Structures are given as structure tokens and as C-alpha cells.
């Protein structure tokens, strides 16, 4: 498992360019709120720590991960951010619903990346168990939200 080899919260702040002028959107799924709230906190705090002004961080909440693409599209049109972070958590259940939601969510976010000039960062955990999600949202493997915030800063500054 790739995550076991890397702490998702580890990054070198000195390698990032000045982020103080960036505008970042964060779209957060309310489903599995314990997980998505922790991912949001990791992303938000990393952005602030890297100099993004709190007034330049816009947040939308959507019902579930399936709605992340639409929320991200609305964020792009209303706030014109330099990047958007799409935060969600889908945990395997007893039916194929997991597969459909994961595929549609990934496809929707990928489509936005090819249809707009605003990078949309995929911060959606797709875990088999709640414990795996906890491990990746501030637990033993760090916080994927931190990694997503760093990716958003890097992609927003990509020239």
C-alpha cells in the first residue's frame, strides 16, 4: 500500500513559492463528516500556514462526494479561484454503490481539470474501512488534506 510508505502530512515548506496572493476554493462533502472535517482542517490550516489569506479561502459544503464536481464547478464560476480542493470520503459498503460513486467522482473531477484552466485537486479518500479513512485524515498515515493543499499551491503556481 503506497500510503504506508509516506506520511501524507510531510512536505518541505521551503520548496513552495509565496502563496499569499492565491485564492483557493475548498469543496467539502458532508457525507462521512468525521473524516471530511479532519481533511478540511488539514487543508485549511496548511493553506493559512503557507500564507494564503483567510479571506481568499472560499468553502462550499455539498451533500456527498458525487456532488463534488458540481460544487467545484460552481466555485470556479463564482469565485474564480486559482485552484480548488475537492474533499470527500467514500467507504466500501456491501453493494456496488461504492464503485459507482468512486468512479463518477473521479471522472467528474478529472473532467473539470480538462475543461477549465483551474486545477481541481482530488482529495477524496476511497477506503475499505472507516479505520483506513481515519488513518489518512490525521491518523497514523498523516492527513491527505495537507497533501492536497500543497498540491493546490503547486498547481495554482504552475506556469
Protein backbone atom coordinates (compact mmCIF):
# COMPACT_ATOMS: atom_id res chain seq x y z
CA UNK A 1 0.00 0.00 0.00
CA UNK A 2 1.52 3.28 -1.15
CA UNK A 3 0.28 5.36 1.79
CA UNK A 4 2.15 3.11 4.23
CA UNK A 5 5.39 4.33 2.63
CA UNK A 6 4.66 8.05 3.01
CA UNK A 7 3.21 10.33 5.64
CA UNK A 8 0.57 12.40 3.86
CA UNK A 9 1.33 15.41 6.07
CA UNK A 10 5.05 15.56 5.29
CA UNK A 11 6.23 18.30 2.96
CA UNK A 12 9.03 20.84 2.75
CA UNK A 13 7.54 24.30 3.19
CA UNK A 14 10.74 25.85 1.84
CA UNK A 15 10.09 24.30 -1.58
CA UNK A 16 6.84 26.23 -2.03
CA UNK A 17 6.61 29.65 -3.63
CA UNK A 18 4.90 32.56 -1.89
CA UNK A 19 1.19 31.71 -1.69
CA UNK A 20 -0.04 34.97 -0.17
CA UNK A 21 -1.80 36.16 -3.33
CA UNK A 22 -3.59 32.90 -4.10
CA UNK A 23 -7.35 32.38 -4.00
CA UNK A 24 -8.28 28.81 -3.12
CA UNK A 25 -11.66 27.11 -3.13
CA UNK A 26 -12.43 24.13 -0.94
CA UNK A 27 -15.48 21.98 -1.63
CA UNK A 28 -16.25 19.52 1.16
CA UNK A 29 -18.60 16.57 1.22
CA UNK A 30 -20.82 16.32 4.29
CA UNK A 31 -21.01 12.52 3.97
CA UNK A 32 -18.59 10.81 6.40
CA UNK A 33 -18.29 14.19 8.10
CA UNK A 34 -15.87 13.00 10.78
CA UNK A 35 -13.38 12.21 8.02
CA UNK A 36 -14.07 15.13 5.68
CA UNK A 37 -13.94 17.67 8.53
CA UNK A 38 -10.49 16.40 9.51
CA UNK A 39 -9.33 16.58 5.87
CA UNK A 40 -10.73 20.10 5.60
CA UNK A 41 -8.93 21.22 8.75
CA UNK A 42 -5.65 19.81 7.43
CA UNK A 43 -6.06 21.55 4.09
CA UNK A 44 -7.27 24.86 5.52
CA UNK A 45 -4.53 25.09 8.15
CA UNK A 46 -1.83 24.23 5.62
CA UNK A 47 -3.06 26.95 3.27
CA UNK A 48 -3.04 29.51 6.08
CA UNK A 49 0.38 28.33 7.29
CA UNK A 50 1.70 28.84 3.76
CA UNK A 51 0.44 32.42 3.63
CA UNK A 52 -2.92 32.15 1.87
CA UNK A 53 -5.12 34.85 3.36
CA UNK A 54 -8.19 33.51 5.16
CA UNK A 55 -10.37 35.92 3.15
CA UNK A 56 -9.05 34.23 -0.01
CA UNK A 57 -10.18 30.75 1.02
CA UNK A 58 -13.77 30.04 -0.02
CA UNK A 59 -15.60 26.95 1.20
CA UNK A 60 -18.69 25.16 -0.09
CA UNK A 61 -20.29 22.14 1.51
CA UNK A 62 -22.05 19.57 -0.65
CA UNK A 63 -24.09 16.53 0.44
CA UNK A 64 -21.73 13.79 -0.79
CA UNK A 65 -18.67 13.01 -2.89
CA UNK A 66 -20.81 12.57 -6.00
CA UNK A 67 -21.68 16.29 -5.77
CA UNK A 68 -18.05 17.47 -5.51
CA UNK A 69 -17.67 18.06 -9.25
CA UNK A 70 -20.75 20.26 -9.43
CA UNK A 71 -19.76 22.18 -6.29
CA UNK A 72 -16.27 22.68 -7.70
CA UNK A 73 -17.69 23.94 -10.99
CA UNK A 74 -19.89 26.44 -9.13
CA UNK A 75 -16.87 27.51 -7.04
CA UNK A 76 -14.85 28.17 -10.20
CA UNK A 77 -17.60 30.26 -11.79
CA UNK A 78 -18.49 32.29 -8.69
CA UNK A 79 -15.12 32.90 -7.00
CA UNK A 80 -12.55 32.45 -9.82
CA UNK A 81 -10.06 30.66 -7.55
CA UNK A 82 -6.53 29.78 -8.58
CA UNK A 83 -7.22 26.18 -7.50
CA UNK A 84 -9.99 24.12 -5.92
CA UNK A 85 -9.59 21.27 -3.45
CA UNK A 86 -12.40 18.68 -3.64
CA UNK A 87 -12.63 16.83 -0.30
CA UNK A 88 -14.62 13.64 0.18
CA UNK A 89 -14.64 10.19 1.73
CA UNK A 90 -16.23 7.08 0.30
CA UNK A 91 -16.06 3.93 2.41
CA UNK A 92 -16.71 0.46 0.97
CA UNK A 93 -20.12 -0.95 1.82
CA UNK A 94 -21.94 -4.14 0.95
CA UNK A 95 -23.10 -3.07 -2.51
CA UNK A 96 -21.60 -1.83 -5.78
CA UNK A 97 -22.66 1.73 -4.89
CA UNK A 98 -19.07 2.35 -3.69
CA UNK A 99 -17.68 1.57 -7.15
CA UNK A 100 -20.16 3.83 -8.93
CA UNK A 101 -19.64 6.78 -6.58
CA UNK A 102 -15.84 6.49 -6.68
CA UNK A 103 -15.74 6.23 -10.48
CA UNK A 104 -18.19 9.09 -11.05
CA UNK A 105 -16.45 11.34 -8.55
CA UNK A 106 -13.01 10.75 -10.03
CA UNK A 107 -14.34 11.21 -13.57
CA UNK A 108 -16.18 14.43 -12.68
CA UNK A 109 -13.12 15.98 -11.07
CA UNK A 110 -10.88 14.86 -13.93
CA UNK A 111 -13.33 16.36 -16.43
CA UNK A 112 -13.11 19.74 -14.69
CA UNK A 113 -9.32 19.59 -14.99
CA UNK A 114 -9.56 19.14 -18.73
CA UNK A 115 -12.44 21.60 -19.28
CA UNK A 116 -11.17 24.57 -17.24
CA UNK A 117 -7.84 26.22 -16.55
CA UNK A 118 -8.42 25.94 -12.80
CA UNK A 119 -6.77 22.89 -11.23
CA UNK A 120 -9.15 20.80 -9.13
CA UNK A 121 -7.28 18.70 -6.59
CA UNK A 122 -8.64 15.22 -5.84
CA UNK A 123 -8.73 14.85 -2.06
CA UNK A 124 -11.23 12.00 -1.92
CA UNK A 125 -10.44 9.04 0.27
CA UNK A 126 -11.73 5.74 -1.14
CA UNK A 127 -11.15 3.30 1.69
CA UNK A 128 -12.30 -0.18 2.55
CA UNK A 129 -12.90 0.64 6.21
CA UNK A 130 -13.59 3.58 8.49
CA UNK A 131 -10.26 2.92 10.23
CA UNK A 132 -8.37 3.30 6.96
CA UNK A 133 -10.11 6.66 6.42
CA UNK A 134 -9.20 7.78 9.95
CA UNK A 135 -5.58 6.74 9.36
CA UNK A 136 -5.46 9.04 6.29
CA UNK A 137 -7.31 12.02 7.78
CA UNK A 138 -4.96 12.81 10.65
CA UNK A 139 -4.11 9.32 11.90
CA UNK A 140 -1.04 7.14 11.51
CA UNK A 141 -0.60 7.97 7.80
CA UNK A 142 -0.96 11.74 8.25
CA UNK A 143 -3.61 13.92 6.66
CA UNK A 144 -4.44 13.80 2.95
CA UNK A 145 -5.86 17.32 3.31
CA UNK A 146 -2.34 18.64 3.95
CA UNK A 147 -1.06 16.92 0.83
CA UNK A 148 -3.99 18.30 -1.19
CA UNK A 149 -3.32 21.87 -0.01
CA UNK A 150 0.33 21.59 -1.05
CA UNK A 151 -0.76 20.22 -4.43
CA UNK A 152 -3.23 23.11 -4.83
CA UNK A 153 -0.50 25.69 -4.15
CA UNK A 154 1.89 24.00 -6.59
CA UNK A 155 -0.72 23.64 -9.33
CA UNK A 156 -2.01 27.20 -8.89
CA UNK A 157 1.52 28.47 -9.47
CA UNK A 158 2.29 26.18 -12.38
CA UNK A 159 3.39 28.23 -15.36
